[in-house]
Amino acid sequence: MTMLEVQNINCFYGNVQALWDVSLKVEEAEIVALLGANGAGKSTLLNTITGLVKKSSGHVFFMEQSLDGVPSHSVMEKGIAYLPEGGRVFPDMSIRENLEMGVYPKGLWKTRKAGIDRMFGLFPKLKERQKQMASTLSGGEKQMLAMARGLMSNPKLCLFDELSYGLAPIMVTEVFNIVKSLREQGITVLLVEQNVKQAMETADRAYVLENGSVALDGNCCDLIDNDYVKKAYLGL
């Protein structure tokens, strides 16, 4: 099944066009990377998919059902988790309380303990400190907590924006290993990432955005050997 399909999206901020006829597909249990320089339109596309930014034209389908006109909170209830850049946790709540805040869709509250136990299995460091205030965590630990909170909603599709932002290299590796494990659980991922090398080593396919348009797309094993990608994004 096609999990996510974006068709010819155009988007403006005032009189400035941010996205130009952007189309992409993400298949079930696939990891797809969305690459590009700052200002290319990557975050705008994620915000448009989730209804946080209104598109001027085009269509978005999730599991073959239209998301056009669906408010952002209803988009999340349908099975999409969105982690914006910077993670963002509730600093004055404990780790466990942050996870409970992720039990958003109706009907999940009764099973929250099983969900929390599942997150502690994915993120052992969080289990060790579950009573600790989120404000005391390191940047990488906060990113893990934000990911875990998003996964508490049992999403079918995760949208991740700049997971590696501000993280130490060893923590970047750990976070991306978790992303790979999500695919093994049948969770589909669309990943916006500045760390092109890490993203391509993690994802199945990638789209490259430039100036709000799709410039390249294909399998990561092919794109990583593309001369243009090597020069523009890998510094080779």
Protein backbone atom coordinates (compact mmCIF):
# COMPACT_ATOMS: atom_id res chain seq x y z
CA MET A 1 0.00 0.00 0.00
CA THR A 2 1.09 3.57 -0.66
CA MET A 3 1.23 5.07 2.82
CA LEU A 4 1.65 8.71 1.76
CA GLU A 5 1.20 10.41 -1.59
CA VAL A 6 1.76 14.08 -2.27
CA GLN A 7 0.51 15.34 -5.63
CA ASN A 8 1.61 18.64 -7.20
CA ILE A 9 1.71 20.69 -4.00
CA ASN A 10 2.11 24.44 -4.32
CA CYS A 11 2.48 26.58 -1.22
CA PHE A 12 3.00 30.28 -0.55
CA TYR A 13 4.11 32.42 2.38
CA GLY A 14 2.39 35.66 1.47
CA ASN A 15 3.52 36.45 -2.07
CA VAL A 16 6.57 34.18 -1.89
CA GLN A 17 6.15 30.69 -3.32
CA ALA A 18 7.79 28.05 -1.12
CA LEU A 19 6.79 24.83 -2.91
CA TRP A 20 6.44 24.33 -6.66
CA ASP A 21 4.46 21.30 -7.89
CA VAL A 22 6.04 18.94 -5.35
CA SER A 23 5.07 15.29 -5.67
CA LEU A 24 6.35 12.26 -3.78
CA LYS A 25 5.30 8.80 -2.61
CA VAL A 26 6.16 6.79 0.49
CA GLU A 27 5.28 3.10 0.50
CA GLU A 28 4.28 1.09 3.56
CA ALA A 29 7.17 0.17 5.92
CA GLU A 30 9.59 2.26 3.86
CA ILE A 31 12.05 4.91 5.05
CA VAL A 32 12.23 7.85 2.66
CA ALA A 33 14.61 10.78 3.14
CA LEU A 34 13.80 14.33 2.09
CA LEU A 35 17.07 16.16 1.48
CA GLY A 36 18.09 19.67 0.55
CA ALA A 37 19.77 22.85 1.73
CA ASN A 38 18.29 25.24 4.29
CA GLY A 39 15.32 27.04 2.78
CA ALA A 40 14.68 24.37 0.16
CA GLY A 41 11.14 23.76 1.45
CA LYS A 42 11.59 20.53 3.39
CA SER A 43 9.96 21.61 6.66
CA THR A 44 7.28 23.49 4.74
CA LEU A 45 6.35 20.27 3.00
CA LEU A 46 6.00 18.40 6.31
CA ASN A 47 3.90 21.23 7.71
CA THR A 48 1.71 21.14 4.61
CA ILE A 49 1.21 17.37 4.86
CA THR A 50 0.07 17.71 8.47
CA GLY A 51 -2.19 20.69 7.79
CA LEU A 52 -0.13 23.20 9.78
CA VAL A 53 0.50 25.18 6.60
CA LYS A 54 -2.25 25.65 4.03
CA LYS A 55 -1.41 24.67 0.47
CA SER A 56 -2.63 26.75 -2.46
CA SER A 57 -3.11 23.72 -4.71
CA GLY A 58 -2.37 20.01 -4.92
CA HIS A 59 -3.44 16.98 -2.91
CA VAL A 60 -2.24 14.84 -0.01
CA PHE A 61 -3.35 11.22 0.49
CA PHE A 62 -2.69 9.04 3.54
CA MET A 63 -3.41 5.34 3.08
CA GLU A 64 -5.27 6.32 -0.10
CA GLN A 65 -7.61 8.68 1.76
CA SER A 66 -7.53 12.42 1.09
CA LEU A 67 -6.16 14.74 3.77
CA ASP A 68 -7.23 17.85 1.88
CA GLY A 69 -8.92 20.21 4.32
CA VAL A 70 -8.41 17.89 7.31
CA PRO A 71 -7.34 19.88 10.42
CA SER A 72 -3.95 19.05 11.88
CA HIS A 73 -5.28 17.41 15.06
CA SER A 74 -7.41 15.06 12.95
CA VAL A 75 -4.41 14.24 10.77
CA MET A 76 -2.59 13.02 13.88
CA GLU A 77 -5.59 10.96 14.96
CA LYS A 78 -5.53 9.15 11.62
CA GLY A 79 -2.12 7.68 12.43
CA ILE A 80 0.55 10.25 11.59
CA ALA A 81 3.14 11.34 14.18
CA TYR A 82 5.10 14.53 13.49
CA LEU A 83 8.33 15.41 15.31
CA PRO A 84 9.37 18.96 14.35
CA GLU A 85 12.95 20.22 14.41
CA GLY A 86 14.37 20.53 17.91
CA GLY A 87 12.33 17.75 19.49
CA ARG A 88 10.55 19.84 22.11
CA VAL A 89 9.63 18.18 25.38
CA PHE A 90 7.66 19.36 28.42
CA PRO A 91 10.61 20.45 30.61
CA ASP A 92 8.76 20.57 33.93
CA MET A 93 7.32 17.07 33.55
CA SER A 94 9.04 13.77 34.19
CA ILE A 95 10.00 11.42 31.40
CA ARG A 96 7.03 9.21 32.22
CA GLU A 97 4.64 12.18 32.25
CA ASN A 98 5.98 13.30 28.86
CA LEU A 99 5.23 9.86 27.46
CA GLU A 100 1.70 9.98 28.85
CA MET A 101 1.20 13.27 26.98
CA GLY A 102 1.73 11.32 23.77
CA VAL A 103 -1.37 9.20 24.35
CA TYR A 104 -3.41 11.49 22.16
CA PRO A 105 -5.87 9.41 20.08
CA LYS A 106 -9.02 8.35 21.85
CA GLY A 107 -8.94 4.85 23.27
CA LEU A 108 -5.19 4.65 23.93
CA TRP A 109 -5.24 5.89 27.53
CA LYS A 110 -6.30 2.50 28.89
CA THR A 111 -3.29 0.86 27.26
CA ARG A 112 -0.78 3.58 28.14
CA LYS A 113 1.24 1.34 30.48
CA ALA A 114 1.87 -1.17 27.69
CA GLY A 115 2.81 1.72 25.41
CA ILE A 116 5.25 3.14 27.96
CA ASP A 117 6.81 -0.28 28.48
CA ARG A 118 7.25 -0.57 24.71
CA MET A 119 8.98 2.82 24.60
CA PHE A 120 11.28 1.83 27.44
CA GLY A 121 12.21 -1.23 25.39
CA LEU A 122 13.12 1.01 22.45
CA PHE A 123 14.79 3.67 24.59
CA PRO A 124 16.43 1.96 27.61
CA LYS A 125 18.05 5.23 28.73
CA LEU A 126 14.60 6.70 29.32
CA LYS A 127 13.57 3.78 31.50
CA GLU A 128 16.54 4.32 33.79
CA ARG A 129 15.46 7.93 34.37
CA GLN A 130 11.69 7.76 34.05
CA LYS A 131 11.08 9.91 37.16
CA GLN A 132 13.64 12.53 36.13
CA MET A 133 12.49 15.95 34.91
CA ALA A 134 12.86 16.37 31.14
CA SER A 135 14.67 19.68 31.65
CA THR A 136 17.65 17.80 33.11
CA LEU A 137 18.21 15.60 30.06
CA SER A 138 20.94 16.07 27.47
CA GLY A 139 20.06 17.17 23.95
CA GLY A 140 20.20 13.62 22.65
CA GLU A 141 18.09 12.30 25.48
CA LYS A 142 15.48 15.00 24.87
CA GLN A 143 15.39 14.00 21.20
CA MET A 144 14.82 10.38 22.20
CA LEU A 145 12.05 11.43 24.58
CA ALA A 146 10.36 13.48 21.86
CA MET A 147 10.54 10.50 19.49
CA ALA A 148 9.15 8.17 22.14
CA ARG A 149 6.31 10.56 22.96
CA GLY A 150 5.34 10.67 19.28
CA LEU A 151 5.40 6.89 19.05
CA MET A 152 3.04 6.61 22.02
CA SER A 153 0.18 7.38 19.61
CA ASN A 154 0.84 4.10 17.74
CA PRO A 155 1.39 5.87 14.41
CA LYS A 156 1.47 4.20 11.03
CA LEU A 157 3.61 7.02 9.61
CA CYS A 158 6.28 9.10 11.34
CA LEU A 159 7.44 12.45 9.99
CA PHE A 160 10.82 13.39 11.46
CA ASP A 161 12.37 16.84 10.92
CA GLU A 162 16.14 17.10 11.51
CA LEU A 163 16.63 14.33 14.06
CA SER A 164 20.39 14.89 14.17
CA TYR A 165 20.20 18.64 14.84
CA GLY A 166 22.61 19.61 17.60
CA LEU A 167 23.47 16.04 18.57
CA ALA A 168 26.88 14.53 19.24
CA PRO A 169 27.98 11.99 16.58
CA ILE A 170 27.56 9.00 18.88
CA MET A 171 24.00 10.08 19.69
CA VAL A 172 23.23 10.62 15.99
CA THR A 173 24.14 6.99 15.31
CA GLU A 174 21.94 5.82 18.16
CA VAL A 175 18.94 7.86 17.02
CA PHE A 176 19.20 6.60 13.44
CA ASN A 177 19.48 3.01 14.64
CA ILE A 178 16.13 3.55 16.32
CA VAL A 179 14.69 4.85 13.04
CA LYS A 180 15.83 1.64 11.34
CA SER A 181 14.17 -0.41 14.05
CA LEU A 182 10.85 1.33 13.36
CA ARG A 183 10.79 -0.11 9.85
CA GLU A 184 11.19 -3.59 11.34
CA GLN A 185 8.02 -2.88 13.33
CA GLY A 186 6.13 -1.92 10.17
CA ILE A 187 6.22 1.83 10.83
CA THR A 188 6.72 4.03 7.77
CA VAL A 189 9.09 7.01 8.00
CA LEU A 190 9.50 10.23 6.03
CA LEU A 191 12.72 11.82 7.24
CA VAL A 192 13.92 15.40 6.68
CA GLU A 193 17.63 15.54 7.37
CA GLN A 194 20.64 17.80 6.80
CA ASN A 195 23.04 14.95 7.55
CA VAL A 196 22.85 13.60 4.01
CA LYS A 197 25.31 10.75 4.47
CA GLN A 198 23.55 9.41 7.57
CA ALA A 199 20.13 9.82 5.96
CA MET A 200 21.13 7.92 2.83
CA GLU A 201 22.66 5.11 4.87
CA THR A 202 19.36 4.81 6.75
CA ALA A 203 16.70 5.35 4.08
CA ASP A 204 15.52 3.21 1.17
CA ARG A 205 14.84 6.11 -1.17
CA ALA A 206 15.35 9.87 -1.20
CA TYR A 207 13.99 13.02 -2.75
CA VAL A 208 16.20 16.10 -3.14
CA LEU A 209 14.44 19.46 -2.88
CA GLU A 210 16.00 22.58 -4.36
CA ASN A 211 14.27 25.97 -4.28
CA GLY A 212 10.94 24.34 -3.47
CA SER A 213 11.01 21.78 -6.28
CA VAL A 214 12.02 18.13 -6.54
CA ALA A 215 15.39 18.13 -8.29
CA LEU A 216 16.27 14.43 -7.92
CA ASP A 217 14.76 11.25 -6.56
CA GLY A 218 15.68 7.59 -6.52
CA ASN A 219 17.10 4.73 -4.48
CA CYS A 220 19.67 5.86 -1.94
CA CYS A 221 22.23 3.33 -3.17
CA ASP A 222 22.09 5.06 -6.56
CA LEU A 223 21.87 8.67 -5.36
CA ILE A 224 24.83 8.34 -3.01
CA ASP A 225 26.99 7.64 -6.11
CA ASN A 226 25.44 10.48 -8.12
CA ASP A 227 28.15 13.02 -9.05
CA TYR A 228 25.89 16.00 -8.35
CA VAL A 229 24.85 14.68 -4.94
CA LYS A 230 28.47 13.94 -4.06
CA LYS A 231 29.55 17.47 -4.92
CA ALA A 232 26.57 19.43 -3.59
CA TYR A 233 25.68 17.47 -0.45
CA LEU A 234 28.52 15.13 0.49
CA GLY A 235 31.47 17.45 -0.17
CA LEU A 236 33.20 14.89 -2.37
